[in-house]
PDB file of N, CA and C in Angstrom:
ATOM      1  N   MET A   1     -81.474  50.957  23.914  1.00  0.00           N
ATOM      2  CA  MET A   1     -80.835  49.829  24.559  1.00  0.00           C
ATOM      3  C   MET A   1     -80.047  50.268  25.784  1.00  0.00           C
ATOM      4  N   ARG A   2     -79.519  51.460  25.733  1.00  0.00           N
ATOM      5  CA  ARG A   2     -78.692  51.953  26.836  1.00  0.00           C
ATOM      6  C   ARG A   2     -79.438  51.866  28.169  1.00  0.00           C
ATOM      7  N   ASP A   3     -80.759  52.075  28.151  1.00  0.00           N
ATOM      8  CA  ASP A   3     -81.550  52.036  29.382  1.00  0.00           C
ATOM      9  C   ASP A   3     -81.574  50.652  30.015  1.00  0.00           C
ATOM     10  N   PHE A   4     -81.252  49.631  29.253  1.00  0.00           N
ATOM     11  CA  PHE A   4     -81.292  48.261  29.756  1.00  0.00           C
ATOM     12  C   PHE A   4     -79.904  47.713  30.069  1.00  0.00           C
ATOM     13  N   MET A   5     -78.902  48.580  30.067  1.00  0.00           N
ATOM     14  CA  MET A   5     -77.522  48.172  30.340  1.00  0.00           C
ATOM     15  C   MET A   5     -77.063  48.722  31.676  1.00  0.00           C
ATOM     16  N   PRO A   6     -76.202  47.969  32.366  1.00  0.00           N
ATOM     17  CA  PRO A   6     -75.561  48.550  33.541  1.00  0.00           C
ATOM     18  C   PRO A   6     -74.775  49.794  33.119  1.00  0.00           C
ATOM     19  N   VAL A   7     -74.802  50.819  33.938  1.00  0.00           N
ATOM     20  CA  VAL A   7     -74.186  52.110  33.603  1.00  0.00           C
ATOM     21  C   VAL A   7     -72.717  51.960  33.215  1.00  0.00           C
ATOM     22  N   GLU A   8     -72.012  51.059  33.866  1.00  0.00           N
ATOM     23  CA  GLU A   8     -70.579  50.921  33.585  1.00  0.00           C
ATOM     24  C   GLU A   8     -70.294  50.412  32.169  1.00  0.00           C
ATOM     25  N   PHE A   9     -71.315  49.922  31.466  1.00  0.00           N
ATOM     26  CA  PHE A   9     -71.124  49.435  30.101  1.00  0.00           C
ATOM     27  C   PHE A   9     -71.546  50.444  29.039  1.00  0.00           C
ATOM     28  N   HIS A  10     -71.983  51.618  29.444  1.00  0.00           N
ATOM     29  CA  HIS A  10     -72.362  52.644  28.470  1.00  0.00           C
ATOM     30  C   HIS A  10     -71.210  53.027  27.540  1.00  0.00           C
ATOM     31  N   PRO A  11     -69.973  53.195  28.040  1.00  0.00           N
ATOM     32  CA  PRO A  11     -68.872  53.503  27.107  1.00  0.00           C
ATOM     33  C   PRO A  11     -68.653  52.395  26.067  1.00  0.00           C
ATOM     34  N   ALA A  12     -68.808  51.143  26.464  1.00  0.00           N
ATOM     35  CA  ALA A  12     -68.655  50.039  25.505  1.00  0.00           C
ATOM     36  C   ALA A  12     -69.765  50.081  24.461  1.00  0.00           C
ATOM     37  N   PHE A  13     -70.961  50.486  24.870  1.00  0.00           N
ATOM     38  CA  PHE A  13     -72.065  50.607  23.920  1.00  0.00           C
ATOM     39  C   PHE A  13     -71.788  51.731  22.928  1.00  0.00           C
ATOM     40  N   ASP A  14     -71.238  52.835  23.414  1.00  0.00           N
ATOM     41  CA  ASP A  14     -70.864  53.932  22.516  1.00  0.00           C
ATOM     42  C   ASP A  14     -69.837  53.458  21.489  1.00  0.00           C
ATOM     43  N   ALA A  15     -68.870  52.658  21.933  1.00  0.00           N
ATOM     44  CA  ALA A  15     -67.858  52.120  21.017  1.00  0.00           C
ATOM     45  C   ALA A  15     -68.511  51.191  19.989  1.00  0.00           C
ATOM     46  N   TYR A  16     -69.475  50.384  20.435  1.00  0.00           N
ATOM     47  CA  TYR A  16     -70.209  49.516  19.509  1.00  0.00           C
ATOM     48  C   TYR A  16     -70.913  50.352  18.439  1.00  0.00           C
ATOM     49  N   LEU A  17     -71.590  51.425  18.851  1.00  0.00           N
ATOM     50  CA  LEU A  17     -72.306  52.270  17.889  1.00  0.00           C
ATOM     51  C   LEU A  17     -71.351  52.844  16.842  1.00  0.00           C
ATOM     52  N   GLU A  18     -70.155  53.212  17.269  1.00  0.00           N
ATOM     53  CA  GLU A  18     -69.158  53.716  16.319  1.00  0.00           C
ATOM     54  C   GLU A  18     -68.723  52.614  15.356  1.00  0.00           C
ATOM     55  N   ARG A  19     -68.522  51.396  15.878  1.00  0.00           N
ATOM     56  CA  ARG A  19     -68.093  50.280  15.018  1.00  0.00           C
ATOM     57  C   ARG A  19     -69.159  49.923  13.990  1.00  0.00           C
ATOM     58  N   ILE A  20     -70.402  49.787  14.428  1.00  0.00           N
ATOM     59  CA  ILE A  20     -71.458  49.335  13.518  1.00  0.00           C
ATOM     60  C   ILE A  20     -71.803  50.412  12.491  1.00  0.00           C
ATOM     61  N   ALA A  21     -71.496  51.661  12.787  1.00  0.00           N
ATOM     62  CA  ALA A  21     -71.763  52.743  11.831  1.00  0.00           C
ATOM     63  C   ALA A  21     -70.849  52.661  10.612  1.00  0.00           C
ATOM     64  N   VAL A  22     -69.672  52.066  10.776  1.00  0.00           N
ATOM     65  CA  VAL A  22     -68.710  52.019   9.675  1.00  0.00           C
ATOM     66  C   VAL A  22     -68.431  50.602   9.181  1.00  0.00           C
ATOM     67  N   SER A  23     -68.979  49.612   9.860  1.00  0.00           N
ATOM     68  CA  SER A  23     -68.734  48.220   9.505  1.00  0.00           C
ATOM     69  C   SER A  23     -70.050  47.559   9.106  1.00  0.00           C
ATOM     70  N   ASP A  24     -69.955  46.489   8.351  1.00  0.00           N
ATOM     71  CA  ASP A  24     -71.158  45.763   7.947  1.00  0.00           C
ATOM     72  C   ASP A  24     -71.712  44.883   9.055  1.00  0.00           C
ATOM     73  N   SER A  25     -70.858  44.546  10.044  1.00  0.00           N
ATOM     74  CA  SER A  25     -71.322  43.648  11.101  1.00  0.00           C
ATOM     75  C   SER A  25     -70.493  43.844  12.365  1.00  0.00           C
ATOM     76  N   ASP A  26     -71.003  43.286  13.448  1.00  0.00           N
ATOM     77  CA  ASP A  26     -70.296  43.319  14.723  1.00  0.00           C
ATOM     78  C   ASP A  26     -70.801  42.148  15.554  1.00  0.00           C
ATOM     79  N   ASP A  27     -69.939  41.585  16.370  1.00  0.00           N
ATOM     80  CA  ASP A  27     -70.359  40.508  17.265  1.00  0.00           C
ATOM     81  C   ASP A  27     -69.573  40.596  18.555  1.00  0.00           C
ATOM     82  N   GLY A  28     -70.133  39.996  19.584  1.00  0.00           N
ATOM     83  CA  GLY A  28     -69.460  40.020  20.873  1.00  0.00           C
ATOM     84  C   GLY A  28     -70.416  39.718  22.005  1.00  0.00           C
ATOM     85  N   LEU A  29     -70.047  40.183  23.190  1.00  0.00           N
ATOM     86  CA  LEU A  29     -70.849  39.988  24.388  1.00  0.00           C
ATOM     87  C   LEU A  29     -71.330  41.337  24.895  1.00  0.00           C
ATOM     88  N   VAL A  30     -72.535  41.345  25.427  1.00  0.00           N
ATOM     89  CA  VAL A  30     -73.094  42.559  26.018  1.00  0.00           C
ATOM     90  C   VAL A  30     -73.844  42.154  27.281  1.00  0.00           C
ATOM     91  N   GLN A  31     -73.815  43.025  28.268  1.00  0.00           N
ATOM     92  CA  GLN A  31     -74.559  42.760  29.496  1.00  0.00           C
ATOM     93  C   GLN A  31     -75.809  43.626  29.514  1.00  0.00           C
ATOM     94  N   MET A  32     -76.935  42.995  29.832  1.00  0.00           N
ATOM     95  CA  MET A  32     -78.223  43.681  29.870  1.00  0.00           C
ATOM     96  C   MET A  32     -78.894  43.406  31.208  1.00  0.00           C
ATOM     97  N   LEU A  33     -79.740  44.334  31.633  1.00  0.00           N
ATOM     98  CA  LEU A  33     -80.474  44.187  32.886  1.00  0.00           C
ATOM     99  C   LEU A  33     -81.871  43.639  32.618  1.00  0.00           C
ATOM    100  N   SER A  34     -82.292  42.684  33.443  1.00  0.00           N
ATOM    101  CA  SER A  34     -83.662  42.184  33.356  1.00  0.00           C
ATOM    102  C   SER A  34     -84.568  43.094  34.179  1.00  0.00           C
ATOM    103  N   ARG A  35     -85.851  42.857  34.117  1.00  0.00           N
ATOM    104  CA  ARG A  35     -86.805  43.682  34.874  1.00  0.00           C
ATOM    105  C   ARG A  35     -86.523  43.677  36.366  1.00  0.00           C
ATOM    106  N   ASP A  36     -86.037  42.540  36.863  1.00  0.00           N
ATOM    107  CA  ASP A  36     -85.775  42.447  38.301  1.00  0.00           C
ATOM    108  C   ASP A  36     -84.363  42.909  38.673  1.00  0.00           C
ATOM    109  N   GLY A  37     -83.643  43.482  37.711  1.00  0.00           N
ATOM    110  CA  GLY A  37     -82.332  44.055  37.986  1.00  0.00           C
ATOM    111  C   GLY A  37     -81.164  43.100  37.861  1.00  0.00           C
ATOM    112  N   GLN A  38     -81.422  41.853  37.500  1.00  0.00           N
ATOM    113  CA  GLN A  38     -80.331  40.903  37.324  1.00  0.00           C
ATOM    114  C   GLN A  38     -79.609  41.179  36.006  1.00  0.00           C
ATOM    115  N   VAL A  39     -78.305  40.944  36.021  1.00  0.00           N
ATOM    116  CA  VAL A  39     -77.492  41.144  34.824  1.00  0.00           C
ATOM    117  C   VAL A  39     -77.453  39.840  34.031  1.00  0.00           C
ATOM    118  N   HIS A  40     -77.723  39.939  32.738  1.00  0.00           N
ATOM    119  CA  HIS A  40     -77.645  38.796  31.828  1.00  0.00           C
ATOM    120  C   HIS A  40     -76.584  39.086  30.780  1.00  0.00           C
ATOM    121  N   VAL A  41     -75.831  38.060  30.432  1.00  0.00           N
ATOM    122  CA  VAL A  41     -74.806  38.178  29.396  1.00  0.00           C
ATOM    123  C   VAL A  41     -75.390  37.630  28.098  1.00  0.00           C
ATOM    124  N   LEU A  42     -75.370  38.460  27.061  1.00  0.00           N
ATOM    125  CA  LEU A  42     -75.873  38.051  25.752  1.00  0.00           C
ATOM    126  C   LEU A  42     -74.715  38.005  24.762  1.00  0.00           C
ATOM    127  N   GLN A  43     -74.674  36.946  23.988  1.00  0.00           N
ATOM    128  CA  GLN A  43     -73.726  36.848  22.885  1.00  0.00           C
ATOM    129  C   GLN A  43     -74.494  37.270  21.637  1.00  0.00           C
ATOM    130  N   TYR A  44     -73.978  38.283  20.935  1.00  0.00           N
ATOM    131  CA  TYR A  44     -74.738  38.842  19.815  1.00  0.00           C
ATOM    132  C   TYR A  44     -73.960  38.805  18.511  1.00  0.00           C
ATOM    133  N   ARG A  45     -74.709  38.878  17.448  1.00  0.00           N
ATOM    134  CA  ARG A  45     -74.178  39.042  16.091  1.00  0.00           C
ATOM    135  C   ARG A  45     -75.122  40.015  15.403  1.00  0.00           C
ATOM    136  N   ASN A  46     -74.609  41.168  15.004  1.00  0.00           N
ATOM    137  CA  ASN A  46     -75.418  42.205  14.373  1.00  0.00           C
ATOM    138  C   ASN A  46     -74.904  42.484  12.967  1.00  0.00           C
ATOM    139  N   VAL A  47     -75.832  42.735  12.061  1.00  0.00           N
ATOM    140  CA  VAL A  47     -75.493  43.056  10.676  1.00  0.00           C
ATOM    141  C   VAL A  47     -76.209  44.351  10.303  1.00  0.00           C
ATOM    142  N   ARG A  48     -75.436  45.315   9.816  1.00  0.00           N
ATOM    143  CA  ARG A  48     -76.012  46.591   9.374  1.00  0.00           C
ATOM    144  C   ARG A  48     -76.432  46.453   7.919  1.00  0.00           C
ATOM    145  N   SER A  49     -77.597  46.972   7.609  1.00  0.00           N
ATOM    146  CA  SER A  49     -78.118  46.892   6.254  1.00  0.00           C
ATOM    147  C   SER A  49     -78.713  48.238   5.865  1.00  0.00           C
ATOM    148  N   GLN A  50     -78.756  48.476   4.575  1.00  0.00           N
ATOM    149  CA  GLN A  50     -79.359  49.721   4.098  1.00  0.00           C
ATOM    150  C   GLN A  50     -79.893  49.502   2.694  1.00  0.00           C
ATOM    151  N   GLU A  51     -81.158  49.783   2.529  1.00  0.00           N
ATOM    152  CA  GLU A  51     -81.794  49.697   1.222  1.00  0.00           C
ATOM    153  C   GLU A  51     -81.566  51.018   0.489  1.00  0.00           C
ATOM    154  N   PRO A  52     -81.474  50.986  -0.829  1.00  0.00           N
ATOM    155  CA  PRO A  52     -81.287  52.232  -1.580  1.00  0.00           C
ATOM    156  C   PRO A  52     -82.373  53.263  -1.238  1.00  0.00           C
ATOM    157  N   GLY A  53     -81.944  54.454  -0.915  1.00  0.00           N
ATOM    158  CA  GLY A  53     -82.867  55.535  -0.602  1.00  0.00           C
ATOM    159  C   GLY A  53     -83.470  55.473   0.791  1.00  0.00           C
ATOM    160  N   GLU A  54     -83.068  54.518   1.587  1.00  0.00           N
ATOM    161  CA  GLU A  54     -83.605  54.351   2.941  1.00  0.00           C
ATOM    162  C   GLU A  54     -82.495  54.528   3.971  1.00  0.00           C
ATOM    163  N   GLY A  55     -82.889  54.681   5.219  1.00  0.00           N
ATOM    164  CA  GLY A  55     -81.924  54.759   6.306  1.00  0.00           C
ATOM    165  C   GLY A  55     -81.369  53.386   6.642  1.00  0.00           C
ATOM    166  N   ALA A  56     -80.231  53.376   7.276  1.00  0.00           N
ATOM    167  CA  ALA A  56     -79.608  52.117   7.694  1.00  0.00           C
ATOM    168  C   ALA A  56     -80.355  51.541   8.887  1.00  0.00           C
ATOM    169  N   TYR A  57     -80.314  50.226   9.010  1.00  0.00           N
ATOM    170  CA  TYR A  57     -80.887  49.547  10.165  1.00  0.00           C
ATOM    171  C   TYR A  57     -80.008  48.353  10.510  1.00  0.00           C
ATOM    172  N   VAL A  58     -80.195  47.822  11.706  1.00  0.00           N
ATOM    173  CA  VAL A  58     -79.369  46.717  12.190  1.00  0.00           C
ATOM    174  C   VAL A  58     -80.252  45.513  12.473  1.00  0.00           C
ATOM    175  N   LEU A  59     -79.885  44.389  11.883  1.00  0.00           N
ATOM    176  CA  LEU A  59     -80.515  43.110  12.198  1.00  0.00           C
ATOM    177  C   LEU A  59     -79.672  42.460  13.282  1.00  0.00           C
ATOM    178  N   SER A  60     -80.318  42.003  14.330  1.00  0.00           N
ATOM    179  CA  SER A  60     -79.582  41.497  15.477  1.00  0.00           C
ATOM    180  C   SER A  60     -80.066  40.116  15.879  1.00  0.00           C
ATOM    181  N   HIS A  61     -79.116  39.304  16.302  1.00  0.00           N
ATOM    182  CA  HIS A  61     -79.423  38.001  16.882  1.00  0.00           C
ATOM    183  C   HIS A  61     -78.593  37.889  18.152  1.00  0.00           C
ATOM    184  N   ALA A  62     -79.238  37.481  19.243  1.00  0.00           N
ATOM    185  CA  ALA A  62     -78.513  37.338  20.503  1.00  0.00           C
ATOM    186  C   ALA A  62     -79.012  36.111  21.246  1.00  0.00           C
ATOM    187  N   ALA A  63     -78.103  35.501  21.988  1.00  0.00           N
ATOM    188  CA  ALA A  63     -78.440  34.354  22.832  1.00  0.00           C
ATOM    189  C   ALA A  63     -77.988  34.655  24.255  1.00  0.00           C
ATOM    190  N   ASP A  64     -78.842  34.362  25.214  1.00  0.00           N
ATOM    191  CA  ASP A  64     -78.515  34.567  26.623  1.00  0.00           C
ATOM    192  C   ASP A  64     -77.583  33.437  27.066  1.00  0.00           C
ATOM    193  N   ILE A  65     -76.348  33.789  27.390  1.00  0.00           N
ATOM    194  CA  ILE A  65     -75.363  32.786  27.802  1.00  0.00           C
ATOM    195  C   ILE A  65     -74.992  32.946  29.275  1.00  0.00           C
ATOM    196  N   THR A  66     -75.858  33.588  30.036  1.00  0.00           N
ATOM    197  CA  THR A  66     -75.589  33.848  31.450  1.00  0.00           C
ATOM    198  C   THR A  66     -75.309  32.558  32.214  1.00  0.00           C
ATOM    199  N   ASP A  67     -76.169  31.569  32.056  1.00  0.00           N
ATOM    200  CA  ASP A  67     -75.982  30.306  32.783  1.00  0.00           C
ATOM    201  C   ASP A  67     -74.681  29.624  32.377  1.00  0.00           C
ATOM    202  N   ARG A  68     -74.374  29.638  31.097  1.00  0.00           N
ATOM    203  CA  ARG A  68     -73.123  29.030  30.631  1.00  0.00           C
ATOM    204  C   ARG A  68     -71.919  29.713  31.264  1.00  0.00           C
ATOM    205  N   MET A  69     -71.958  31.041  31.346  1.00  0.00           N
ATOM    206  CA  MET A  69     -70.849  31.786  31.949  1.00  0.00           C
ATOM    207  C   MET A  69     -70.697  31.428  33.431  1.00  0.00           C
ATOM    208  N   ARG A  70     -71.815  31.281  34.133  1.00  0.00           N
ATOM    209  CA  ARG A  70     -71.761  30.906  35.555  1.00  0.00           C
ATOM    210  C   ARG A  70     -71.158  29.521  35.737  1.00  0.00           C
ATOM    211  N   VAL A  71     -71.587  28.576  34.915  1.00  0.00           N
ATOM    212  CA  VAL A  71     -71.065  27.211  35.014  1.00  0.00           C
ATOM    213  C   VAL A  71     -69.573  27.190  34.695  1.00  0.00           C
ATOM    214  N   GLU A  72     -69.158  27.919  33.670  1.00  0.00           N
ATOM    215  CA  GLU A  72     -67.737  27.976  33.329  1.00  0.00           C
ATOM    216  C   GLU A  72     -66.920  28.548  34.480  1.00  0.00           C
ATOM    217  N   GLN A  73     -67.448  29.565  35.160  1.00  0.00           N
ATOM    218  CA  GLN A  73     -66.743  30.152  36.297  1.00  0.00           C
ATOM    219  C   GLN A  73     -66.626  29.145  37.437  1.00  0.00           C
ATOM    220  N   ILE A  74     -67.688  28.415  37.708  1.00  0.00           N
ATOM    221  CA  ILE A  74     -67.651  27.389  38.755  1.00  0.00           C
ATOM    222  C   ILE A  74     -66.603  26.332  38.420  1.00  0.00           C
ATOM    223  N   LEU A  75     -66.567  25.889  37.174  1.00  0.00           N
ATOM    224  CA  LEU A  75     -65.589  24.879  36.766  1.00  0.00           C
ATOM    225  C   LEU A  75     -64.161  25.403  36.888  1.00  0.00           C
ATOM    226  N   ARG A  76     -63.940  26.658  36.518  1.00  0.00           N
ATOM    227  CA  ARG A  76     -62.597  27.240  36.668  1.00  0.00           C
ATOM    228  C   ARG A  76     -62.188  27.268  38.136  1.00  0.00           C
ATOM    229  N   GLU A  77     -63.122  27.653  39.000  1.00  0.00           N
ATOM    230  CA  GLU A  77     -62.822  27.711  40.433  1.00  0.00           C
ATOM    231  C   GLU A  77     -62.539  26.323  40.990  1.00  0.00           C
ATOM    232  N   GLN A  78     -63.280  25.322  40.553  1.00  0.00           N
ATOM    233  CA  GLN A  78     -63.059  23.956  41.021  1.00  0.00           C
ATOM    234  C   GLN A  78     -61.714  23.417  40.545  1.00  0.00           C
ATOM    235  N   ASN A  79     -61.335  23.768  39.339  1.00  0.00           N
ATOM    236  CA  ASN A  79     -60.069  23.288  38.784  1.00  0.00           C
ATOM    237  C   ASN A  79     -58.870  24.032  39.355  1.00  0.00           C
ATOM    238  N   ALA A  80     -59.104  25.146  40.018  1.00  0.00           N
ATOM    239  CA  ALA A  80     -58.007  25.926  40.592  1.00  0.00           C
ATOM    240  C   ALA A  80     -57.448  25.266  41.844  1.00  0.00           C
ATOM    241  N   TYR A  81     -58.174  24.322  42.421  1.00  0.00           N
ATOM    242  CA  TYR A  81     -57.715  23.684  43.667  1.00  0.00           C
ATOM    243  C   TYR A  81     -56.923  22.454  43.409  1.00  0.00           C
TER     244      TYR A  81
END
């Protein structure tokens, strides 16, 4: 996943990996790069699971909220006047 993130968010991804290693779940926002280099904001909810005798894995659900974030920013700017 690191390859699809802006470089400045790599430390936050490292922190996420530490959290999910010791917690059953994690949620928040993450920024990812599209093929054309645009940044998208994803709201995620991840759950760590492990079957007996197997390695741990993460089930993830994410929604692209980039457009919502842009609209919210426009509304904040309009209300600032």
